[in-house]
Amino acid sequence: MEDRLMTIKQLAGYLNLNERIVLRLVTDGGLPGVKLGNQWRFRKAMIDTWLDDQMLGLTPRMIDEPKPVVSPRAMLELASCFDVSHILPEMKATTKNPAVEELAGFAADLGLVRDKTWFMGALIERENVLPSAMGRGVAFLHTMRRNSQQVVRPFMVLGRSKAGIDFDALDGKPTHLFFVLGLKMNEMHLPWLSKLSRMFATQKAVEPVLAARDAKAIYDVIAASERRLAKSG
C-alpha cells in the first residue's frame, strides 16, 4: 500500500480492527492522525512507525503485546547491549540534527555500526516520520528499517545533555537523555526495550541520571533501576 492518507474505515481494514476501536485509539491520543473538519485522516508511514514503537514497547501499550520468541531472561539483561563505554555523559550538540549526528558518530567510533552516514540518515529518516522524544526528558532513537549488515551487534548507547535539547518532544519540553538503539531484528530485544521504557516512565526516574557525576555513575543508576524493576515483578 502506498503512503497516502487513509480514512478511519481504510485504517481499520489495514489494522484488521473494528472501526470503533480505531476511533477510540485515535481520540485517546494513541494513534497519530489529523482531524480535517469532522473527518480523521492518517498517513501510512506514521501508522507503520507507531506500530513499530508499539512492538518495541517504546510507547504506552495500545495493542496486544507480542510473546517473546526466546527466553526473556537472556534478553532482559542490561549488560547484553550496554556498558559504561556506551555512555556519552555530556553531549556537545544543542539542536536536533547535530545531536543525531553526534550520537551516530559516537556509535560508529565504538565500532557498533559500520557506516556512520547510513546510521545518521536512518535515524533522521525515522525522526522525520514520528519524533522519538517521549516526553519526561527522554528519547528512544532507532531506525525504521533493520539492517543486520550495518549493525555489528545489537546495542544501546546513551547520550546526556544536562542543558536539554529541543527534540520535538510530546510534552514540548527539552530532552536530556537520548537512548540510541541499534537493532538487527525486532524480535531479539522486544522484552528488553519494553523494560527500558518502563524504567524511565516517570520524571522521577530521569533525575538521578541527570545528577550522576560521570559515565560510571550514570551506568550504576541505570543498573540499580533495572534491579528495582526486576524485584517489583
C-alpha atoms as a PDB file:
ATOM      1  CA  MET A   1       0.000   0.000   0.000  1.00  0.00           C
ATOM      2  CA  GLU A   2       1.423   3.361  -0.995  1.00  0.00           C
ATOM      3  CA  ASP A   3       1.912   6.127   1.568  1.00  0.00           C
ATOM      4  CA  ARG A   4      -1.366   8.005   1.204  1.00  0.00           C
ATOM      5  CA  LEU A   5      -3.970   9.462   3.508  1.00  0.00           C
ATOM      6  CA  MET A   6      -6.352   6.874   4.923  1.00  0.00           C
ATOM      7  CA  THR A   7      -9.820   7.239   6.413  1.00  0.00           C
ATOM      8  CA  ILE A   8     -10.968   5.568   9.639  1.00  0.00           C
ATOM      9  CA  LYS A   9     -12.547   2.793   7.548  1.00  0.00           C
ATOM     10  CA  GLN A  10      -9.401   2.240   5.477  1.00  0.00           C
ATOM     11  CA  LEU A  11      -7.183   2.284   8.551  1.00  0.00           C
ATOM     12  CA  ALA A  12      -9.456  -0.196  10.316  1.00  0.00           C
ATOM     13  CA  GLY A  13      -9.059  -2.512   7.338  1.00  0.00           C
ATOM     14  CA  TYR A  14      -5.293  -2.037   7.302  1.00  0.00           C
ATOM     15  CA  LEU A  15      -5.011  -2.834  11.030  1.00  0.00           C
ATOM     16  CA  ASN A  16      -7.708  -5.521  10.877  1.00  0.00           C
ATOM     17  CA  LEU A  17      -9.584  -3.813  13.712  1.00  0.00           C
ATOM     18  CA  ASN A  18     -13.152  -2.673  14.288  1.00  0.00           C
ATOM     19  CA  GLU A  19     -13.725   0.956  13.252  1.00  0.00           C
ATOM     20  CA  ARG A  20     -14.959   1.829  16.747  1.00  0.00           C
ATOM     21  CA  ILE A  21     -11.705   0.535  18.253  1.00  0.00           C
ATOM     22  CA  VAL A  22      -9.669   2.616  15.809  1.00  0.00           C
ATOM     23  CA  LEU A  23     -11.718   5.710  16.623  1.00  0.00           C
ATOM     24  CA  ARG A  24     -11.186   5.140  20.344  1.00  0.00           C
ATOM     25  CA  LEU A  25      -7.429   4.751  19.848  1.00  0.00           C
ATOM     26  CA  VAL A  26      -7.118   7.980  17.906  1.00  0.00           C
ATOM     27  CA  THR A  27      -9.367  10.035  20.194  1.00  0.00           C
ATOM     28  CA  ASP A  28      -7.428   8.743  23.221  1.00  0.00           C
ATOM     29  CA  GLY A  29      -4.282  10.170  21.637  1.00  0.00           C
ATOM     30  CA  GLY A  30      -2.688   6.815  20.836  1.00  0.00           C
ATOM     31  CA  LEU A  31      -2.852   6.672  17.062  1.00  0.00           C
ATOM     32  CA  PRO A  32      -1.168   9.524  15.137  1.00  0.00           C
ATOM     33  CA  GLY A  33      -3.689  11.293  12.907  1.00  0.00           C
ATOM     34  CA  VAL A  34      -5.081  14.685  11.971  1.00  0.00           C
ATOM     35  CA  LYS A  35      -8.685  15.857  12.030  1.00  0.00           C
ATOM     36  CA  LEU A  36      -9.778  17.758   8.918  1.00  0.00           C
ATOM     37  CA  GLY A  37     -13.191  19.245   9.638  1.00  0.00           C
ATOM     38  CA  ASN A  38     -15.019  16.342  11.246  1.00  0.00           C
ATOM     39  CA  GLN A  39     -13.033  13.602   9.480  1.00  0.00           C
ATOM     40  CA  TRP A  40      -9.861  11.850  10.638  1.00  0.00           C
ATOM     41  CA  ARG A  41      -7.023  11.173   8.194  1.00  0.00           C
ATOM     42  CA  PHE A  42      -3.899   9.033   8.682  1.00  0.00           C
ATOM     43  CA  ARG A  43      -0.561   8.647   6.901  1.00  0.00           C
ATOM     44  CA  LYS A  44       0.507   5.038   6.388  1.00  0.00           C
ATOM     45  CA  ALA A  45       4.180   5.830   7.133  1.00  0.00           C
ATOM     46  CA  MET A  46       3.241   7.304  10.512  1.00  0.00           C
ATOM     47  CA  ILE A  47       0.971   4.356  11.334  1.00  0.00           C
ATOM     48  CA  ASP A  48       3.745   1.897  10.451  1.00  0.00           C
ATOM     49  CA  THR A  49       6.188   3.796  12.682  1.00  0.00           C
ATOM     50  CA  TRP A  50       3.649   3.856  15.519  1.00  0.00           C
ATOM     51  CA  LEU A  51       3.198   0.090  15.162  1.00  0.00           C
ATOM     52  CA  ASP A  52       6.977  -0.322  15.240  1.00  0.00           C
ATOM     53  CA  ASP A  53       7.182   1.600  18.519  1.00  0.00           C
ATOM     54  CA  GLN A  54       4.315  -0.463  19.914  1.00  0.00           C
ATOM     55  CA  MET A  55       6.192  -3.656  19.098  1.00  0.00           C
ATOM     56  CA  LEU A  56       9.372  -2.288  20.672  1.00  0.00           C
ATOM     57  CA  GLY A  57       7.495  -1.245  23.806  1.00  0.00           C
ATOM     58  CA  LEU A  58       8.608   2.386  23.427  1.00  0.00           C
ATOM     59  CA  THR A  59       5.117   3.897  23.593  1.00  0.00           C
ATOM     60  CA  PRO A  60       2.238   3.193  26.006  1.00  0.00           C
ATOM     61  CA  ARG A  61       0.802  -0.186  25.074  1.00  0.00           C
ATOM     62  CA  MET A  62      -2.300   0.228  22.908  1.00  0.00           C
ATOM     63  CA  ILE A  63      -2.238  -3.152  21.177  1.00  0.00           C
ATOM     64  CA  ASP A  64      -1.644  -6.682  22.418  1.00  0.00           C
ATOM     65  CA  GLU A  65       1.964  -7.294  23.380  1.00  0.00           C
ATOM     66  CA  PRO A  66       3.692  -9.997  21.303  1.00  0.00           C
ATOM     67  CA  LYS A  67       5.021 -13.014  23.159  1.00  0.00           C
ATOM     68  CA  PRO A  68       8.835 -13.283  23.204  1.00  0.00           C
ATOM     69  CA  VAL A  69      10.163 -15.964  20.889  1.00  0.00           C
ATOM     70  CA  VAL A  70      13.084 -16.907  23.175  1.00  0.00           C
ATOM     71  CA  SER A  71      13.807 -16.869  26.891  1.00  0.00           C
ATOM     72  CA  PRO A  72      13.061 -13.412  28.369  1.00  0.00           C
ATOM     73  CA  ARG A  73      15.905 -13.746  30.890  1.00  0.00           C
ATOM     74  CA  ALA A  74      18.505 -13.853  28.117  1.00  0.00           C
ATOM     75  CA  MET A  75      17.096 -10.722  26.504  1.00  0.00           C
ATOM     76  CA  LEU A  76      16.444  -8.601  29.557  1.00  0.00           C
ATOM     77  CA  GLU A  77      19.983  -8.248  30.850  1.00  0.00           C
ATOM     78  CA  LEU A  78      21.218  -4.659  30.591  1.00  0.00           C
ATOM     79  CA  ALA A  79      24.782  -5.812  30.055  1.00  0.00           C
ATOM     80  CA  SER A  80      23.844  -7.712  26.895  1.00  0.00           C
ATOM     81  CA  CYS A  81      23.760  -4.496  24.848  1.00  0.00           C
ATOM     82  CA  PHE A  82      25.129  -1.728  27.047  1.00  0.00           C
ATOM     83  CA  ASP A  83      28.160  -0.875  29.187  1.00  0.00           C
ATOM     84  CA  VAL A  84      29.941   2.160  30.630  1.00  0.00           C
ATOM     85  CA  SER A  85      31.834   2.843  27.397  1.00  0.00           C
ATOM     86  CA  HIS A  86      28.474   3.293  25.622  1.00  0.00           C
ATOM     87  CA  ILE A  87      27.666   6.454  27.609  1.00  0.00           C
ATOM     88  CA  LEU A  88      28.335   9.997  26.414  1.00  0.00           C
ATOM     89  CA  PRO A  89      27.988  11.924  29.704  1.00  0.00           C
ATOM     90  CA  GLU A  90      27.778  15.421  28.193  1.00  0.00           C
ATOM     91  CA  MET A  91      26.770  15.984  24.598  1.00  0.00           C
ATOM     92  CA  LYS A  92      28.150  18.975  22.709  1.00  0.00           C
ATOM     93  CA  ALA A  93      25.194  19.410  20.344  1.00  0.00           C
ATOM     94  CA  THR A  94      22.494  21.940  21.192  1.00  0.00           C
ATOM     95  CA  THR A  95      19.982  21.295  18.378  1.00  0.00           C
ATOM     96  CA  LYS A  96      18.278  18.230  16.957  1.00  0.00           C
ATOM     97  CA  ASN A  97      20.113  17.192  13.777  1.00  0.00           C
ATOM     98  CA  PRO A  98      23.604  17.873  15.196  1.00  0.00           C
ATOM     99  CA  ALA A  99      22.585  15.787  18.226  1.00  0.00           C
ATOM    100  CA  VAL A 100      21.633  12.867  15.966  1.00  0.00           C
ATOM    101  CA  GLU A 101      24.944  13.248  14.114  1.00  0.00           C
ATOM    102  CA  GLU A 102      26.886  13.265  17.382  1.00  0.00           C
ATOM    103  CA  LEU A 103      25.133  10.150  18.649  1.00  0.00           C
ATOM    104  CA  ALA A 104      25.550   8.298  15.336  1.00  0.00           C
ATOM    105  CA  GLY A 105      29.231   9.231  15.292  1.00  0.00           C
ATOM    106  CA  PHE A 106      29.643   8.001  18.864  1.00  0.00           C
ATOM    107  CA  ALA A 107      28.160   4.604  17.926  1.00  0.00           C
ATOM    108  CA  ALA A 108      30.406   4.416  14.868  1.00  0.00           C
ATOM    109  CA  ASP A 109      33.514   5.308  16.883  1.00  0.00           C
ATOM    110  CA  LEU A 110      32.683   2.445  19.240  1.00  0.00           C
ATOM    111  CA  GLY A 111      32.584   0.081  16.262  1.00  0.00           C
ATOM    112  CA  LEU A 112      28.895  -0.718  16.780  1.00  0.00           C
ATOM    113  CA  VAL A 113      27.820   0.352  13.281  1.00  0.00           C
ATOM    114  CA  ARG A 114      29.834   0.084  10.096  1.00  0.00           C
ATOM    115  CA  ASP A 115      28.702   3.307   8.440  1.00  0.00           C
ATOM    116  CA  LYS A 116      28.069   6.493  10.419  1.00  0.00           C
ATOM    117  CA  THR A 117      26.451   8.222   7.434  1.00  0.00           C
ATOM    118  CA  TRP A 118      23.945   5.391   6.961  1.00  0.00           C
ATOM    119  CA  PHE A 119      23.106   5.297  10.665  1.00  0.00           C
ATOM    120  CA  MET A 120      22.670   9.049  10.969  1.00  0.00           C
ATOM    121  CA  GLY A 121      20.470   9.138   7.857  1.00  0.00           C
ATOM    122  CA  ALA A 122      18.357   6.218   9.066  1.00  0.00           C
ATOM    123  CA  LEU A 123      17.825   7.841  12.475  1.00  0.00           C
ATOM    124  CA  ILE A 124      16.856  11.176  10.906  1.00  0.00           C
ATOM    125  CA  GLU A 125      14.504   9.419   8.468  1.00  0.00           C
ATOM    126  CA  ARG A 126      12.657   7.942  11.408  1.00  0.00           C
ATOM    127  CA  GLU A 127      12.578  11.289  13.239  1.00  0.00           C
ATOM    128  CA  ASN A 128      11.035  12.939  10.183  1.00  0.00           C
ATOM    129  CA  VAL A 129       8.135  10.480  10.270  1.00  0.00           C
ATOM    130  CA  LEU A 130       7.481  10.438  14.006  1.00  0.00           C
ATOM    131  CA  PRO A 131       9.653  12.095  16.706  1.00  0.00           C
ATOM    132  CA  SER A 132      11.272   9.690  19.163  1.00  0.00           C
ATOM    133  CA  ALA A 133      11.153  12.007  22.195  1.00  0.00           C
ATOM    134  CA  MET A 134       8.523  10.552  24.505  1.00  0.00           C
ATOM    135  CA  GLY A 135       8.478  13.458  26.951  1.00  0.00           C
ATOM    136  CA  ARG A 136       9.784  13.381  30.539  1.00  0.00           C
ATOM    137  CA  GLY A 137      13.181  14.379  29.102  1.00  0.00           C
ATOM    138  CA  VAL A 138      13.732  11.027  27.341  1.00  0.00           C
ATOM    139  CA  ALA A 139      14.054   9.982  23.697  1.00  0.00           C
ATOM    140  CA  PHE A 140      14.435   6.461  22.265  1.00  0.00           C
ATOM    141  CA  LEU A 141      16.055   6.733  18.841  1.00  0.00           C
ATOM    142  CA  HIS A 142      16.061   3.832  16.417  1.00  0.00           C
ATOM    143  CA  THR A 143      15.849   3.225  12.691  1.00  0.00           C
ATOM    144  CA  MET A 144      12.635   2.499  10.808  1.00  0.00           C
ATOM    145  CA  ARG A 145      14.239  -0.427   8.997  1.00  0.00           C
ATOM    146  CA  ARG A 146      16.552  -3.019  10.486  1.00  0.00           C
ATOM    147  CA  ASN A 147      19.861  -3.571   8.696  1.00  0.00           C
ATOM    148  CA  SER A 148      21.796  -6.535  10.012  1.00  0.00           C
ATOM    149  CA  GLN A 149      24.695  -5.776   7.639  1.00  0.00           C
ATOM    150  CA  GLN A 150      25.265  -2.264   9.040  1.00  0.00           C
ATOM    151  CA  VAL A 151      24.727  -3.058  12.742  1.00  0.00           C
ATOM    152  CA  VAL A 152      27.712  -5.007  14.053  1.00  0.00           C
ATOM    153  CA  ARG A 153      25.777  -6.318  17.049  1.00  0.00           C
ATOM    154  CA  PRO A 154      22.590  -5.211  18.856  1.00  0.00           C
ATOM    155  CA  PHE A 155      23.449  -2.298  21.125  1.00  0.00           C
ATOM    156  CA  MET A 156      22.322   0.747  23.031  1.00  0.00           C
ATOM    157  CA  VAL A 157      24.266   3.959  23.521  1.00  0.00           C
ATOM    158  CA  LEU A 158      23.194   6.822  25.752  1.00  0.00           C
ATOM    159  CA  GLY A 159      23.879  10.495  25.299  1.00  0.00           C
ATOM    160  CA  ARG A 160      23.141  13.009  28.076  1.00  0.00           C
ATOM    161  CA  SER A 161      22.533  16.742  27.734  1.00  0.00           C
ATOM    162  CA  LYS A 162      22.117  18.448  31.087  1.00  0.00           C
ATOM    163  CA  ALA A 163      21.016  21.672  29.400  1.00  0.00           C
ATOM    164  CA  GLY A 164      18.500  19.802  27.270  1.00  0.00           C
ATOM    165  CA  ILE A 165      17.785  19.891  23.521  1.00  0.00           C
ATOM    166  CA  ASP A 166      14.574  20.740  21.693  1.00  0.00           C
ATOM    167  CA  PHE A 167      13.789  17.324  20.188  1.00  0.00           C
ATOM    168  CA  ASP A 168      10.097  17.810  19.317  1.00  0.00           C
ATOM    169  CA  ALA A 169       9.043  16.012  22.497  1.00  0.00           C
ATOM    170  CA  LEU A 170       5.382  15.184  23.018  1.00  0.00           C
ATOM    171  CA  ASP A 171       5.248  17.394  26.135  1.00  0.00           C
ATOM    172  CA  GLY A 172       7.064  20.297  24.453  1.00  0.00           C
ATOM    173  CA  LYS A 173       9.912  20.217  26.991  1.00  0.00           C
ATOM    174  CA  PRO A 174      13.668  19.798  26.360  1.00  0.00           C
ATOM    175  CA  THR A 175      15.063  16.279  26.048  1.00  0.00           C
ATOM    176  CA  HIS A 176      18.024  15.311  28.241  1.00  0.00           C
ATOM    177  CA  LEU A 177      18.563  11.563  27.781  1.00  0.00           C
ATOM    178  CA  PHE A 178      18.987  10.050  24.323  1.00  0.00           C
ATOM    179  CA  PHE A 179      18.883   6.253  24.185  1.00  0.00           C
ATOM    180  CA  VAL A 180      20.018   5.138  20.716  1.00  0.00           C
ATOM    181  CA  LEU A 181      19.115   1.579  19.774  1.00  0.00           C
ATOM    182  CA  GLY A 182      20.964  -0.408  17.145  1.00  0.00           C
ATOM    183  CA  LEU A 183      18.794  -3.380  16.220  1.00  0.00           C
ATOM    184  CA  LYS A 184      19.388  -6.243  13.835  1.00  0.00           C
ATOM    185  CA  MET A 185      15.822  -7.523  14.153  1.00  0.00           C
ATOM    186  CA  ASN A 186      12.773  -6.677  16.247  1.00  0.00           C
ATOM    187  CA  GLU A 187      12.183  -9.985  17.972  1.00  0.00           C
ATOM    188  CA  MET A 188      15.554 -10.342  19.687  1.00  0.00           C
ATOM    189  CA  HIS A 189      15.201  -7.392  22.041  1.00  0.00           C
ATOM    190  CA  LEU A 190      11.498  -6.633  22.386  1.00  0.00           C
ATOM    191  CA  PRO A 191      11.289  -7.553  26.092  1.00  0.00           C
ATOM    192  CA  TRP A 192      14.483  -5.638  26.933  1.00  0.00           C
ATOM    193  CA  LEU A 193      13.315  -2.487  25.167  1.00  0.00           C
ATOM    194  CA  SER A 194       9.906  -2.720  26.780  1.00  0.00           C
ATOM    195  CA  LYS A 195      11.612  -2.860  30.165  1.00  0.00           C
ATOM    196  CA  LEU A 196      13.792   0.136  29.315  1.00  0.00           C
ATOM    197  CA  SER A 197      10.672   2.158  28.583  1.00  0.00           C
ATOM    198  CA  ARG A 198       9.169   1.115  31.929  1.00  0.00           C
ATOM    199  CA  MET A 199      12.361   2.081  33.765  1.00  0.00           C
ATOM    200  CA  PHE A 200      12.007   5.670  32.550  1.00  0.00           C
ATOM    201  CA  ALA A 201       8.247   6.023  32.690  1.00  0.00           C
ATOM    202  CA  THR A 202       8.382   8.959  35.136  1.00  0.00           C
ATOM    203  CA  GLN A 203      10.329  12.201  35.519  1.00  0.00           C
ATOM    204  CA  LYS A 204      11.493  10.979  38.927  1.00  0.00           C
ATOM    205  CA  ALA A 205      13.389   8.143  37.242  1.00  0.00           C
ATOM    206  CA  VAL A 206      15.215  10.581  34.953  1.00  0.00           C
ATOM    207  CA  GLU A 207      16.514  12.942  37.663  1.00  0.00           C
ATOM    208  CA  PRO A 208      19.173  10.620  39.191  1.00  0.00           C
ATOM    209  CA  VAL A 209      20.690  10.046  35.739  1.00  0.00           C
ATOM    210  CA  LEU A 210      20.940  13.798  35.200  1.00  0.00           C
ATOM    211  CA  ALA A 211      22.559  14.225  38.613  1.00  0.00           C
ATOM    212  CA  ALA A 212      25.150  11.445  38.142  1.00  0.00           C
ATOM    213  CA  ARG A 213      28.708  12.806  38.009  1.00  0.00           C
ATOM    214  CA  ASP A 214      30.177  10.661  35.201  1.00  0.00           C
ATOM    215  CA  ALA A 215      29.583   7.722  32.856  1.00  0.00           C
ATOM    216  CA  LYS A 216      30.216   5.106  35.570  1.00  0.00           C
ATOM    217  CA  ALA A 217      27.758   6.804  37.927  1.00  0.00           C
ATOM    218  CA  ILE A 218      25.162   7.017  35.141  1.00  0.00           C
ATOM    219  CA  TYR A 219      25.572   3.306  34.428  1.00  0.00           C
ATOM    220  CA  ASP A 220      25.230   2.448  38.122  1.00  0.00           C
ATOM    221  CA  VAL A 221      21.996   4.459  38.384  1.00  0.00           C
ATOM    222  CA  ILE A 222      20.511   2.677  35.355  1.00  0.00           C
ATOM    223  CA  ALA A 223      21.641  -0.752  36.604  1.00  0.00           C
ATOM    224  CA  ALA A 224      20.057  -0.057  40.002  1.00  0.00           C
ATOM    225  CA  SER A 225      16.820   0.961  38.280  1.00  0.00           C
ATOM    226  CA  GLU A 226      16.869  -2.310  36.362  1.00  0.00           C
ATOM    227  CA  ARG A 227      17.306  -4.294  39.575  1.00  0.00           C
ATOM    228  CA  ARG A 228      14.411  -2.467  41.268  1.00  0.00           C
ATOM    229  CA  LEU A 229      12.166  -3.193  38.321  1.00  0.00           C
ATOM    230  CA  ALA A 230      13.123  -6.874  38.413  1.00  0.00           C
ATOM    231  CA  LYS A 231      12.246  -7.084  42.120  1.00  0.00           C
ATOM    232  CA  SER A 232       8.886  -5.402  41.547  1.00  0.00           C
ATOM    233  CA  GLY A 233       7.996  -8.127  39.069  1.00  0.00           C
END
